[in-house]
N, C-alpha and C. Protein backbone atom coordinates (compact mmCIF):
# COMPACT_ATOMS: atom_id res chain seq x y z
N MET A 1 7.43 -14.09 13.99
CA MET A 1 8.53 -14.17 13.06
C MET A 1 8.88 -12.78 12.53
N ALA A 2 10.15 -12.49 12.48
CA ALA A 2 10.55 -11.21 11.95
C ALA A 2 10.38 -11.21 10.44
N GLU A 3 9.88 -10.12 9.92
CA GLU A 3 9.64 -10.02 8.48
C GLU A 3 10.78 -9.28 7.81
N LEU A 4 11.04 -9.60 6.58
CA LEU A 4 11.97 -8.84 5.79
C LEU A 4 11.36 -7.48 5.50
N GLU A 5 12.19 -6.47 5.39
CA GLU A 5 11.68 -5.15 5.05
C GLU A 5 11.18 -5.16 3.61
N SER A 6 10.13 -4.41 3.36
CA SER A 6 9.55 -4.36 2.03
C SER A 6 10.55 -3.97 0.94
N PRO A 7 11.48 -3.01 1.21
CA PRO A 7 12.45 -2.65 0.17
C PRO A 7 13.32 -3.82 -0.27
N MET A 8 13.40 -4.87 0.54
CA MET A 8 14.22 -6.02 0.20
C MET A 8 13.53 -6.91 -0.83
N MET A 9 12.23 -6.76 -0.98
CA MET A 9 11.49 -7.68 -1.82
C MET A 9 11.94 -7.73 -3.27
N PRO A 10 12.17 -6.60 -3.94
CA PRO A 10 12.62 -6.69 -5.33
C PRO A 10 13.90 -7.50 -5.46
N LYS A 11 14.86 -7.33 -4.54
CA LYS A 11 16.09 -8.10 -4.57
C LYS A 11 15.81 -9.57 -4.32
N LEU A 12 14.92 -9.82 -3.38
CA LEU A 12 14.56 -11.20 -3.07
C LEU A 12 13.90 -11.86 -4.28
N ILE A 13 13.01 -11.16 -4.92
CA ILE A 13 12.33 -11.69 -6.11
C ILE A 13 13.35 -12.00 -7.20
N THR A 14 14.27 -11.08 -7.43
CA THR A 14 15.29 -11.28 -8.45
C THR A 14 16.17 -12.49 -8.13
N PHE A 15 16.54 -12.59 -6.87
CA PHE A 15 17.42 -13.69 -6.47
C PHE A 15 16.72 -15.03 -6.60
N LEU A 16 15.51 -15.12 -6.06
CA LEU A 16 14.77 -16.38 -6.14
C LEU A 16 14.50 -16.77 -7.59
N SER A 17 14.20 -15.78 -8.41
CA SER A 17 13.95 -16.04 -9.81
C SER A 17 15.18 -16.65 -10.49
N SER A 18 16.32 -16.03 -10.24
CA SER A 18 17.56 -16.52 -10.86
C SER A 18 17.89 -17.92 -10.38
N LEU A 19 17.71 -18.16 -9.08
CA LEU A 19 17.99 -19.48 -8.54
C LEU A 19 17.07 -20.53 -9.15
N LEU A 20 15.79 -20.23 -9.20
CA LEU A 20 14.83 -21.19 -9.74
C LEU A 20 15.01 -21.42 -11.23
N GLU A 21 15.43 -20.39 -11.93
CA GLU A 21 15.71 -20.55 -13.36
C GLU A 21 16.86 -21.53 -13.57
N ARG A 22 17.90 -21.41 -12.75
CA ARG A 22 19.04 -22.32 -12.85
C ARG A 22 18.62 -23.74 -12.51
N VAL A 23 17.83 -23.88 -11.47
CA VAL A 23 17.36 -25.20 -11.06
C VAL A 23 16.53 -25.83 -12.16
N ALA A 24 15.60 -25.04 -12.71
CA ALA A 24 14.71 -25.55 -13.76
C ALA A 24 15.51 -25.98 -14.99
N GLU A 25 16.46 -25.15 -15.39
CA GLU A 25 17.26 -25.47 -16.56
C GLU A 25 18.09 -26.73 -16.34
N SER A 26 18.65 -26.85 -15.14
CA SER A 26 19.44 -28.03 -14.82
C SER A 26 18.60 -29.30 -14.84
N ASN A 27 17.41 -29.20 -14.27
CA ASN A 27 16.52 -30.37 -14.24
C ASN A 27 15.91 -30.66 -15.60
N ASP A 28 15.79 -29.64 -16.45
CA ASP A 28 15.32 -29.87 -17.83
C ASP A 28 16.31 -30.76 -18.56
N GLU A 29 17.59 -30.50 -18.34
CA GLU A 29 18.63 -31.30 -18.98
C GLU A 29 18.62 -32.72 -18.45
N THR A 30 18.43 -32.84 -17.13
CA THR A 30 18.39 -34.16 -16.51
C THR A 30 17.19 -34.96 -17.01
N GLN A 31 16.08 -34.25 -17.23
CA GLN A 31 14.86 -34.91 -17.67
C GLN A 31 15.04 -35.56 -19.04
N GLN A 32 15.93 -34.98 -19.84
CA GLN A 32 16.19 -35.54 -21.16
C GLN A 32 16.94 -36.87 -21.05
N GLU A 33 17.65 -37.04 -19.93
CA GLU A 33 18.45 -38.25 -19.73
C GLU A 33 17.71 -39.29 -18.89
N GLN A 34 16.89 -38.80 -17.97
CA GLN A 34 16.17 -39.70 -17.07
C GLN A 34 14.67 -39.41 -17.14
N GLN A 35 13.88 -40.43 -17.10
CA GLN A 35 12.43 -40.26 -17.14
C GLN A 35 11.95 -39.79 -15.77
N GLN A 36 11.22 -38.69 -15.77
CA GLN A 36 10.71 -38.12 -14.52
C GLN A 36 9.20 -38.22 -14.49
N LYS A 37 8.67 -38.30 -13.30
CA LYS A 37 7.24 -38.42 -13.12
C LYS A 37 6.53 -37.13 -13.52
N ILE A 38 5.39 -37.27 -14.17
CA ILE A 38 4.58 -36.12 -14.56
C ILE A 38 3.51 -35.91 -13.49
N SER A 39 3.38 -34.67 -13.02
CA SER A 39 2.43 -34.37 -11.96
C SER A 39 1.39 -33.38 -12.45
N VAL A 40 0.45 -33.03 -11.57
CA VAL A 40 -0.59 -32.05 -11.91
C VAL A 40 0.01 -30.67 -12.11
N PHE A 41 1.24 -30.46 -11.64
CA PHE A 41 1.89 -29.17 -11.79
C PHE A 41 2.56 -29.04 -13.16
N HIS A 42 2.64 -30.14 -13.87
CA HIS A 42 3.36 -30.17 -15.14
C HIS A 42 2.48 -29.66 -16.27
N GLY A 43 2.93 -28.60 -16.96
CA GLY A 43 2.21 -28.08 -18.10
C GLY A 43 2.61 -28.78 -19.38
N LEU A 44 1.77 -28.71 -20.38
CA LEU A 44 2.06 -29.35 -21.66
C LEU A 44 3.20 -28.63 -22.39
N THR A 45 3.29 -27.33 -22.16
CA THR A 45 4.35 -26.52 -22.77
C THR A 45 4.93 -25.58 -21.72
N ARG A 46 6.10 -25.05 -22.00
CA ARG A 46 6.70 -24.06 -21.11
C ARG A 46 5.91 -22.76 -21.21
N PRO A 47 5.56 -22.15 -20.07
CA PRO A 47 4.85 -20.87 -20.11
C PRO A 47 5.68 -19.81 -20.82
N ASN A 48 5.02 -18.90 -21.50
CA ASN A 48 5.74 -17.83 -22.20
C ASN A 48 6.33 -16.81 -21.24
N ILE A 49 5.73 -16.65 -20.08
CA ILE A 49 6.21 -15.67 -19.10
C ILE A 49 7.41 -16.24 -18.35
N SER A 50 8.42 -15.41 -18.13
CA SER A 50 9.61 -15.86 -17.41
C SER A 50 9.31 -16.06 -15.94
N ILE A 51 10.18 -16.77 -15.26
CA ILE A 51 9.99 -17.00 -13.83
C ILE A 51 10.02 -15.69 -13.07
N GLN A 52 10.95 -14.80 -13.43
CA GLN A 52 11.04 -13.53 -12.73
C GLN A 52 9.79 -12.69 -12.95
N SER A 53 9.31 -12.61 -14.18
CA SER A 53 8.10 -11.83 -14.47
C SER A 53 6.90 -12.42 -13.73
N TYR A 54 6.87 -13.73 -13.63
CA TYR A 54 5.77 -14.40 -12.95
C TYR A 54 5.80 -14.09 -11.45
N LEU A 55 7.00 -14.15 -10.86
CA LEU A 55 7.14 -13.83 -9.44
C LEU A 55 6.80 -12.36 -9.18
N GLU A 56 7.23 -11.50 -10.08
CA GLU A 56 6.92 -10.08 -9.93
C GLU A 56 5.41 -9.85 -10.01
N ARG A 57 4.74 -10.60 -10.86
CA ARG A 57 3.29 -10.49 -10.98
C ARG A 57 2.62 -10.93 -9.68
N ILE A 58 3.10 -12.05 -9.12
CA ILE A 58 2.55 -12.52 -7.85
C ILE A 58 2.78 -11.49 -6.76
N PHE A 59 4.00 -10.94 -6.72
CA PHE A 59 4.34 -9.94 -5.71
C PHE A 59 3.45 -8.70 -5.83
N LYS A 60 3.17 -8.31 -7.07
CA LYS A 60 2.39 -7.10 -7.31
C LYS A 60 0.93 -7.26 -6.93
N TYR A 61 0.35 -8.42 -7.24
CA TYR A 61 -1.10 -8.57 -7.08
C TYR A 61 -1.54 -9.38 -5.84
N ALA A 62 -0.65 -10.22 -5.31
CA ALA A 62 -1.05 -11.05 -4.17
C ALA A 62 -1.18 -10.24 -2.89
N ASN A 63 -0.36 -9.18 -2.78
CA ASN A 63 -0.40 -8.32 -1.59
C ASN A 63 -0.23 -9.10 -0.28
N CYS A 64 0.54 -10.17 -0.34
CA CYS A 64 0.79 -10.92 0.88
C CYS A 64 2.01 -10.34 1.59
N SER A 65 2.20 -10.71 2.84
CA SER A 65 3.32 -10.18 3.61
C SER A 65 4.64 -10.68 3.03
N PRO A 66 5.72 -9.93 3.20
CA PRO A 66 7.03 -10.36 2.71
C PRO A 66 7.43 -11.74 3.22
N SER A 67 6.99 -12.06 4.42
CA SER A 67 7.33 -13.37 5.00
C SER A 67 6.84 -14.53 4.15
N CYS A 68 5.76 -14.30 3.42
CA CYS A 68 5.18 -15.38 2.63
C CYS A 68 6.14 -15.92 1.59
N PHE A 69 6.99 -15.06 1.04
CA PHE A 69 7.92 -15.52 0.02
C PHE A 69 9.02 -16.38 0.60
N ILE A 70 9.41 -16.08 1.85
CA ILE A 70 10.38 -16.94 2.52
C ILE A 70 9.75 -18.27 2.86
N VAL A 71 8.52 -18.24 3.37
CA VAL A 71 7.83 -19.48 3.73
C VAL A 71 7.55 -20.31 2.48
N ALA A 72 7.19 -19.65 1.38
CA ALA A 72 6.97 -20.37 0.12
C ALA A 72 8.26 -21.05 -0.32
N TYR A 73 9.37 -20.37 -0.12
CA TYR A 73 10.69 -20.92 -0.45
C TYR A 73 10.96 -22.18 0.39
N VAL A 74 10.60 -22.11 1.67
CA VAL A 74 10.76 -23.28 2.55
C VAL A 74 9.88 -24.42 2.04
N TYR A 75 8.64 -24.11 1.68
CA TYR A 75 7.72 -25.14 1.20
C TYR A 75 8.23 -25.80 -0.09
N LEU A 76 8.74 -25.00 -1.01
CA LEU A 76 9.26 -25.56 -2.25
C LEU A 76 10.42 -26.51 -1.96
N ASP A 77 11.25 -26.13 -1.02
CA ASP A 77 12.39 -26.97 -0.67
C ASP A 77 11.90 -28.28 -0.06
N ARG A 78 10.92 -28.19 0.81
CA ARG A 78 10.37 -29.41 1.43
C ARG A 78 9.72 -30.30 0.38
N PHE A 79 9.02 -29.65 -0.56
CA PHE A 79 8.32 -30.42 -1.59
C PHE A 79 9.31 -31.22 -2.42
N THR A 80 10.45 -30.61 -2.77
CA THR A 80 11.44 -31.31 -3.58
C THR A 80 12.07 -32.46 -2.82
N GLN A 81 12.07 -32.37 -1.51
CA GLN A 81 12.62 -33.46 -0.69
C GLN A 81 11.64 -34.62 -0.55
N THR A 82 10.38 -34.27 -0.31
CA THR A 82 9.38 -35.32 -0.12
C THR A 82 8.91 -35.93 -1.43
N GLN A 83 9.14 -35.19 -2.54
CA GLN A 83 8.74 -35.68 -3.86
C GLN A 83 9.96 -35.68 -4.80
N PRO A 84 10.93 -36.53 -4.53
CA PRO A 84 12.17 -36.53 -5.33
C PRO A 84 11.96 -36.84 -6.81
N SER A 85 10.84 -37.49 -7.12
CA SER A 85 10.58 -37.82 -8.53
C SER A 85 9.92 -36.65 -9.27
N LEU A 86 9.69 -35.55 -8.56
CA LEU A 86 9.07 -34.37 -9.16
C LEU A 86 9.97 -33.14 -8.98
N PRO A 87 11.13 -33.14 -9.60
CA PRO A 87 12.03 -31.99 -9.46
C PRO A 87 11.46 -30.75 -10.14
N ILE A 88 11.86 -29.59 -9.66
CA ILE A 88 11.42 -28.34 -10.25
C ILE A 88 12.02 -28.20 -11.65
N ASN A 89 11.18 -27.96 -12.64
CA ASN A 89 11.66 -27.75 -14.00
C ASN A 89 10.83 -26.67 -14.68
N SER A 90 11.12 -26.41 -15.94
CA SER A 90 10.45 -25.32 -16.66
C SER A 90 8.96 -25.56 -16.87
N PHE A 91 8.54 -26.82 -16.77
CA PHE A 91 7.14 -27.15 -17.02
C PHE A 91 6.27 -27.08 -15.77
N ASN A 92 6.88 -27.07 -14.58
CA ASN A 92 6.07 -27.07 -13.36
C ASN A 92 6.37 -25.92 -12.40
N VAL A 93 7.45 -25.18 -12.63
CA VAL A 93 7.87 -24.18 -11.65
C VAL A 93 6.84 -23.08 -11.44
N HIS A 94 6.13 -22.65 -12.50
CA HIS A 94 5.16 -21.58 -12.34
C HIS A 94 3.98 -22.00 -11.47
N ARG A 95 3.47 -23.19 -11.71
CA ARG A 95 2.34 -23.67 -10.90
C ARG A 95 2.78 -23.94 -9.46
N LEU A 96 4.00 -24.41 -9.29
CA LEU A 96 4.50 -24.63 -7.93
C LEU A 96 4.65 -23.31 -7.19
N LEU A 97 5.07 -22.27 -7.90
CA LEU A 97 5.25 -20.96 -7.28
C LEU A 97 3.92 -20.36 -6.82
N ILE A 98 2.93 -20.31 -7.70
CA ILE A 98 1.66 -19.69 -7.33
C ILE A 98 0.99 -20.48 -6.20
N THR A 99 1.16 -21.80 -6.22
CA THR A 99 0.56 -22.62 -5.17
C THR A 99 1.27 -22.43 -3.84
N SER A 100 2.59 -22.43 -3.86
CA SER A 100 3.35 -22.29 -2.62
C SER A 100 3.13 -20.93 -1.98
N VAL A 101 3.05 -19.88 -2.78
CA VAL A 101 2.81 -18.55 -2.23
C VAL A 101 1.40 -18.45 -1.65
N MET A 102 0.42 -19.02 -2.34
CA MET A 102 -0.95 -18.98 -1.84
C MET A 102 -1.08 -19.73 -0.51
N VAL A 103 -0.49 -20.91 -0.44
CA VAL A 103 -0.55 -21.69 0.80
C VAL A 103 0.17 -20.94 1.92
N ALA A 104 1.30 -20.32 1.60
CA ALA A 104 2.04 -19.56 2.60
C ALA A 104 1.22 -18.37 3.10
N ALA A 105 0.52 -17.71 2.18
CA ALA A 105 -0.31 -16.56 2.57
C ALA A 105 -1.43 -16.99 3.50
N LYS A 106 -2.04 -18.13 3.21
CA LYS A 106 -3.12 -18.62 4.07
C LYS A 106 -2.59 -19.01 5.45
N PHE A 107 -1.38 -19.50 5.46
CA PHE A 107 -0.79 -19.95 6.72
C PHE A 107 -0.27 -18.77 7.55
N MET A 108 0.26 -17.74 6.86
CA MET A 108 0.95 -16.66 7.55
C MET A 108 0.07 -15.45 7.84
N ASP A 109 -0.77 -15.09 6.88
CA ASP A 109 -1.47 -13.80 6.96
C ASP A 109 -2.88 -13.92 7.54
N ASP A 110 -3.28 -12.89 8.25
CA ASP A 110 -4.64 -12.85 8.79
C ASP A 110 -5.65 -12.54 7.69
N VAL A 111 -5.21 -11.77 6.70
CA VAL A 111 -6.08 -11.41 5.58
C VAL A 111 -5.40 -11.87 4.30
N TYR A 112 -6.14 -12.58 3.46
CA TYR A 112 -5.58 -13.08 2.22
C TYR A 112 -6.69 -13.27 1.20
N TYR A 113 -6.31 -13.36 -0.08
CA TYR A 113 -7.28 -13.55 -1.14
C TYR A 113 -7.68 -15.02 -1.25
N ASN A 114 -8.83 -15.25 -1.87
CA ASN A 114 -9.29 -16.63 -2.03
C ASN A 114 -8.65 -17.30 -3.25
N ASN A 115 -8.96 -18.57 -3.43
CA ASN A 115 -8.35 -19.34 -4.50
C ASN A 115 -8.69 -18.80 -5.89
N ALA A 116 -9.90 -18.28 -6.05
CA ALA A 116 -10.30 -17.73 -7.34
C ALA A 116 -9.41 -16.56 -7.74
N TYR A 117 -9.07 -15.72 -6.76
CA TYR A 117 -8.21 -14.57 -7.04
C TYR A 117 -6.81 -15.02 -7.42
N TYR A 118 -6.26 -15.96 -6.65
CA TYR A 118 -4.91 -16.46 -6.95
C TYR A 118 -4.88 -17.16 -8.31
N ALA A 119 -5.98 -17.80 -8.66
CA ALA A 119 -6.06 -18.45 -9.97
C ALA A 119 -5.91 -17.42 -11.08
N LYS A 120 -6.56 -16.26 -10.92
CA LYS A 120 -6.45 -15.20 -11.93
C LYS A 120 -5.03 -14.66 -11.98
N VAL A 121 -4.44 -14.47 -10.82
CA VAL A 121 -3.06 -13.98 -10.77
C VAL A 121 -2.12 -14.97 -11.47
N GLY A 122 -2.38 -16.26 -11.23
CA GLY A 122 -1.52 -17.29 -11.79
C GLY A 122 -1.84 -17.69 -13.21
N GLY A 123 -2.95 -17.18 -13.75
CA GLY A 123 -3.32 -17.49 -15.12
C GLY A 123 -3.87 -18.90 -15.31
N ILE A 124 -4.54 -19.41 -14.28
CA ILE A 124 -5.15 -20.74 -14.35
C ILE A 124 -6.59 -20.65 -13.88
N THR A 125 -7.33 -21.74 -13.98
CA THR A 125 -8.72 -21.73 -13.53
C THR A 125 -8.80 -21.96 -12.03
N LYS A 126 -9.94 -21.61 -11.45
CA LYS A 126 -10.14 -21.84 -10.03
C LYS A 126 -10.11 -23.32 -9.72
N ALA A 127 -10.72 -24.13 -10.58
CA ALA A 127 -10.73 -25.58 -10.36
C ALA A 127 -9.31 -26.13 -10.32
N GLU A 128 -8.46 -25.65 -11.23
CA GLU A 128 -7.08 -26.11 -11.25
C GLU A 128 -6.33 -25.63 -10.01
N MET A 129 -6.60 -24.40 -9.59
CA MET A 129 -5.95 -23.87 -8.40
C MET A 129 -6.32 -24.69 -7.18
N ASN A 130 -7.59 -25.07 -7.06
CA ASN A 130 -8.03 -25.90 -5.94
C ASN A 130 -7.31 -27.25 -5.94
N PHE A 131 -7.20 -27.82 -7.13
CA PHE A 131 -6.57 -29.13 -7.26
C PHE A 131 -5.08 -29.07 -6.96
N LEU A 132 -4.42 -28.01 -7.42
CA LEU A 132 -3.00 -27.84 -7.16
C LEU A 132 -2.73 -27.66 -5.67
N GLU A 133 -3.58 -26.89 -5.02
CA GLU A 133 -3.41 -26.67 -3.59
C GLU A 133 -3.50 -27.98 -2.83
N LEU A 134 -4.51 -28.78 -3.16
CA LEU A 134 -4.70 -30.05 -2.47
C LEU A 134 -3.51 -30.98 -2.70
N ASP A 135 -3.06 -31.05 -3.94
CA ASP A 135 -1.94 -31.93 -4.26
C ASP A 135 -0.66 -31.45 -3.58
N PHE A 136 -0.48 -30.14 -3.51
CA PHE A 136 0.69 -29.57 -2.86
C PHE A 136 0.70 -29.88 -1.36
N LEU A 137 -0.46 -29.74 -0.74
CA LEU A 137 -0.56 -30.02 0.69
C LEU A 137 -0.26 -31.49 1.00
N PHE A 138 -0.81 -32.38 0.20
CA PHE A 138 -0.53 -33.80 0.41
C PHE A 138 0.93 -34.11 0.09
N GLY A 139 1.47 -33.41 -0.90
CA GLY A 139 2.87 -33.61 -1.23
C GLY A 139 3.79 -33.20 -0.09
N LEU A 140 3.37 -32.20 0.66
CA LEU A 140 4.12 -31.75 1.83
C LEU A 140 3.82 -32.58 3.07
N GLY A 141 2.84 -33.46 2.95
CA GLY A 141 2.40 -34.19 4.13
C GLY A 141 1.78 -33.26 5.16
N PHE A 142 1.23 -32.13 4.67
CA PHE A 142 0.64 -31.10 5.53
C PHE A 142 1.65 -30.56 6.54
N ASN A 143 2.90 -30.65 6.22
CA ASN A 143 3.96 -30.13 7.08
C ASN A 143 4.15 -28.64 6.79
N LEU A 144 3.27 -27.83 7.35
CA LEU A 144 3.26 -26.40 7.05
C LEU A 144 3.93 -25.54 8.11
N ASN A 145 4.14 -26.10 9.27
CA ASN A 145 4.71 -25.29 10.34
C ASN A 145 6.16 -24.92 10.02
N VAL A 146 6.47 -23.65 10.20
CA VAL A 146 7.84 -23.17 10.03
C VAL A 146 8.24 -22.47 11.32
N THR A 147 9.16 -23.04 12.04
CA THR A 147 9.57 -22.46 13.31
C THR A 147 10.33 -21.17 13.09
N PRO A 148 10.38 -20.31 14.08
CA PRO A 148 11.16 -19.07 13.96
C PRO A 148 12.63 -19.35 13.61
N ILE A 149 13.17 -20.43 14.15
CA ILE A 149 14.56 -20.79 13.86
C ILE A 149 14.74 -21.11 12.38
N THR A 150 13.83 -21.91 11.84
CA THR A 150 13.91 -22.28 10.43
C THR A 150 13.70 -21.05 9.55
N PHE A 151 12.70 -20.26 9.87
CA PHE A 151 12.43 -19.04 9.10
C PHE A 151 13.65 -18.14 9.08
N GLN A 152 14.25 -17.95 10.24
CA GLN A 152 15.41 -17.08 10.33
C GLN A 152 16.59 -17.65 9.54
N ALA A 153 16.74 -18.96 9.58
CA ALA A 153 17.84 -19.61 8.85
C ALA A 153 17.72 -19.37 7.35
N TYR A 154 16.52 -19.55 6.81
CA TYR A 154 16.31 -19.33 5.39
C TYR A 154 16.45 -17.85 5.04
N SER A 155 15.93 -16.98 5.90
CA SER A 155 16.02 -15.54 5.65
C SER A 155 17.47 -15.07 5.65
N VAL A 156 18.22 -15.49 6.67
CA VAL A 156 19.62 -15.10 6.76
C VAL A 156 20.42 -15.64 5.59
N HIS A 157 20.12 -16.87 5.20
CA HIS A 157 20.82 -17.47 4.07
C HIS A 157 20.62 -16.65 2.80
N LEU A 158 19.37 -16.30 2.52
CA LEU A 158 19.07 -15.53 1.32
C LEU A 158 19.66 -14.12 1.39
N GLN A 159 19.52 -13.49 2.54
CA GLN A 159 20.03 -12.13 2.67
C GLN A 159 21.56 -12.10 2.58
N ARG A 160 22.21 -13.11 3.13
CA ARG A 160 23.66 -13.18 3.06
C ARG A 160 24.12 -13.34 1.62
N GLU A 161 23.44 -14.20 0.88
CA GLU A 161 23.81 -14.42 -0.51
C GLU A 161 23.54 -13.18 -1.35
N MET A 162 22.44 -12.50 -1.08
CA MET A 162 22.14 -11.28 -1.82
C MET A 162 23.16 -10.19 -1.51
N PHE A 163 23.57 -10.13 -0.26
CA PHE A 163 24.52 -9.11 0.17
C PHE A 163 25.88 -9.32 -0.49
N HIS A 164 26.30 -10.58 -0.57
CA HIS A 164 27.61 -10.89 -1.13
C HIS A 164 27.59 -10.99 -2.65
N MET A 165 26.42 -11.01 -3.24
CA MET A 165 26.33 -11.17 -4.69
C MET A 165 26.81 -9.91 -5.40
N GLN A 166 27.84 -10.06 -6.20
CA GLN A 166 28.39 -8.96 -6.99
C GLN A 166 28.12 -9.26 -8.46
N PRO A 167 28.02 -8.24 -9.31
CA PRO A 167 27.72 -8.46 -10.73
C PRO A 167 28.61 -9.50 -11.39
N LEU A 168 29.91 -9.45 -11.12
CA LEU A 168 30.83 -10.37 -11.78
C LEU A 168 30.71 -11.79 -11.26
N HIS A 169 30.18 -11.92 -10.05
CA HIS A 169 30.09 -13.24 -9.45
C HIS A 169 28.65 -13.73 -9.37
N PHE A 170 27.74 -12.98 -9.98
CA PHE A 170 26.31 -13.31 -9.88
C PHE A 170 26.02 -14.71 -10.42
N ALA A 171 26.52 -15.02 -11.60
CA ALA A 171 26.23 -16.32 -12.22
C ALA A 171 26.77 -17.47 -11.40
N ASP A 172 28.04 -17.37 -10.95
CA ASP A 172 28.64 -18.46 -10.18
C ASP A 172 27.92 -18.67 -8.87
N SER A 173 27.56 -17.56 -8.20
CA SER A 173 26.86 -17.67 -6.93
C SER A 173 25.51 -18.34 -7.12
N THR A 174 24.80 -17.97 -8.17
CA THR A 174 23.48 -18.54 -8.42
C THR A 174 23.57 -20.01 -8.77
N ILE A 175 24.58 -20.38 -9.57
CA ILE A 175 24.76 -21.77 -9.96
C ILE A 175 25.01 -22.63 -8.73
N ASN A 176 25.88 -22.15 -7.83
CA ASN A 176 26.19 -22.92 -6.63
C ASN A 176 24.95 -23.12 -5.78
N LEU A 177 24.14 -22.07 -5.66
CA LEU A 177 22.94 -22.18 -4.85
C LEU A 177 21.91 -23.07 -5.53
N ALA A 178 21.86 -23.00 -6.84
CA ALA A 178 20.93 -23.86 -7.57
C ALA A 178 21.28 -25.32 -7.34
N LYS A 179 22.56 -25.62 -7.36
CA LYS A 179 22.99 -26.99 -7.10
C LYS A 179 22.63 -27.40 -5.68
N SER A 180 22.76 -26.45 -4.75
CA SER A 180 22.42 -26.75 -3.36
C SER A 180 20.95 -27.07 -3.21
N LEU A 181 20.11 -26.26 -3.87
CA LEU A 181 18.67 -26.48 -3.78
C LEU A 181 18.30 -27.81 -4.43
N LYS A 182 18.92 -28.09 -5.55
CA LYS A 182 18.63 -29.34 -6.25
C LYS A 182 19.02 -30.54 -5.38
N ALA A 183 20.08 -30.34 -4.58
CA ALA A 183 20.56 -31.42 -3.72
C ALA A 183 19.96 -31.31 -2.32
N HIS A 184 18.72 -30.83 -2.26
CA HIS A 184 18.01 -30.70 -0.97
C HIS A 184 18.68 -29.67 -0.07
N LEU A 185 18.50 -28.42 -0.42
CA LEU A 185 19.12 -27.31 0.27
C LEU A 185 18.63 -27.17 1.71
N CYS A 186 17.48 -27.74 2.01
CA CYS A 186 16.82 -27.53 3.30
C CYS A 186 17.76 -27.71 4.48
N PHE A 187 17.72 -26.74 5.40
CA PHE A 187 18.50 -26.84 6.62
C PHE A 187 17.93 -27.95 7.50
N ASN A 188 18.70 -28.43 8.45
CA ASN A 188 18.18 -29.42 9.39
C ASN A 188 17.21 -28.71 10.30
N GLU A 189 15.94 -28.95 10.06
CA GLU A 189 14.91 -28.23 10.79
C GLU A 189 14.53 -28.92 12.08
N ASP A 190 14.25 -28.11 13.08
CA ASP A 190 13.77 -28.62 14.34
C ASP A 190 12.32 -28.22 14.47
N GLU A 191 11.48 -28.85 13.64
CA GLU A 191 10.08 -28.48 13.59
C GLU A 191 9.28 -29.16 14.70
N SER A 192 8.29 -28.45 15.19
CA SER A 192 7.41 -29.05 16.18
C SER A 192 6.47 -30.01 15.47
N SER A 193 5.88 -30.91 16.22
CA SER A 193 4.98 -31.90 15.63
C SER A 193 3.58 -31.35 15.44
N HIS A 194 3.37 -30.14 15.95
CA HIS A 194 2.03 -29.53 15.83
C HIS A 194 1.95 -28.78 14.52
N GLN A 195 1.06 -29.19 13.67
CA GLN A 195 0.92 -28.57 12.36
C GLN A 195 -0.28 -27.61 12.37
N LYS A 196 0.00 -26.37 12.05
CA LYS A 196 -1.05 -25.36 11.98
C LYS A 196 -1.79 -25.54 10.66
N GLN A 197 -3.05 -25.98 10.71
CA GLN A 197 -3.77 -26.31 9.51
C GLN A 197 -5.01 -25.44 9.27
N LYS A 198 -5.19 -24.40 10.08
CA LYS A 198 -6.36 -23.56 9.88
C LYS A 198 -6.16 -22.68 8.65
N LYS A 199 -7.24 -22.12 8.17
CA LYS A 199 -7.26 -21.20 7.05
C LYS A 199 -6.89 -21.84 5.73
N LEU A 200 -7.06 -23.16 5.63
CA LEU A 200 -6.71 -23.82 4.38
C LEU A 200 -7.94 -24.15 3.54
N ALA A 201 -9.10 -23.86 4.05
CA ALA A 201 -10.32 -24.14 3.29
C ALA A 201 -10.41 -23.19 2.12
N VAL A 202 -10.95 -23.69 1.04
CA VAL A 202 -11.07 -22.88 -0.18
C VAL A 202 -12.05 -21.74 0.08
């Protein structure tokens, strides 16, 4: 799989952060109107750290390949499709992010940190990190394989939106994409039935 250039990462982090913030805010409002299922990813209170600061922290300390953030993005999208009663909101987005990036790193990279390290990066305990990983994997149905076609589709989509994003149109562009993600943004994937499951042991 072709990787995004490292200089693109700050823009990617900013874009994903803005998109997820819009999604979380939108689903927070919906949650007030409709009762949503509470999961292990759901915190009792909203974390004090912003989504962007949290993603920047993961980017700084996880040292995973740039591809991991695209794959994590794919996983989050799949998770919202397979778990429609667990939409991304302000109470679960941070735990979903640290878990999705960790799983992506284990799947993509030859060298990666263990669960205890990711727990410290994410500000949670190792026991909780282990539990979140397991729940995330089952939530995905262990559908971890990302074909080159799918990876490229998500990469091109993000890069195209970042390229066309202008200051005056930033909010509108992000809102439209947030709505797309909320409405199952996932492209029609042509995934193989073979699921790569190695390197998932704690």
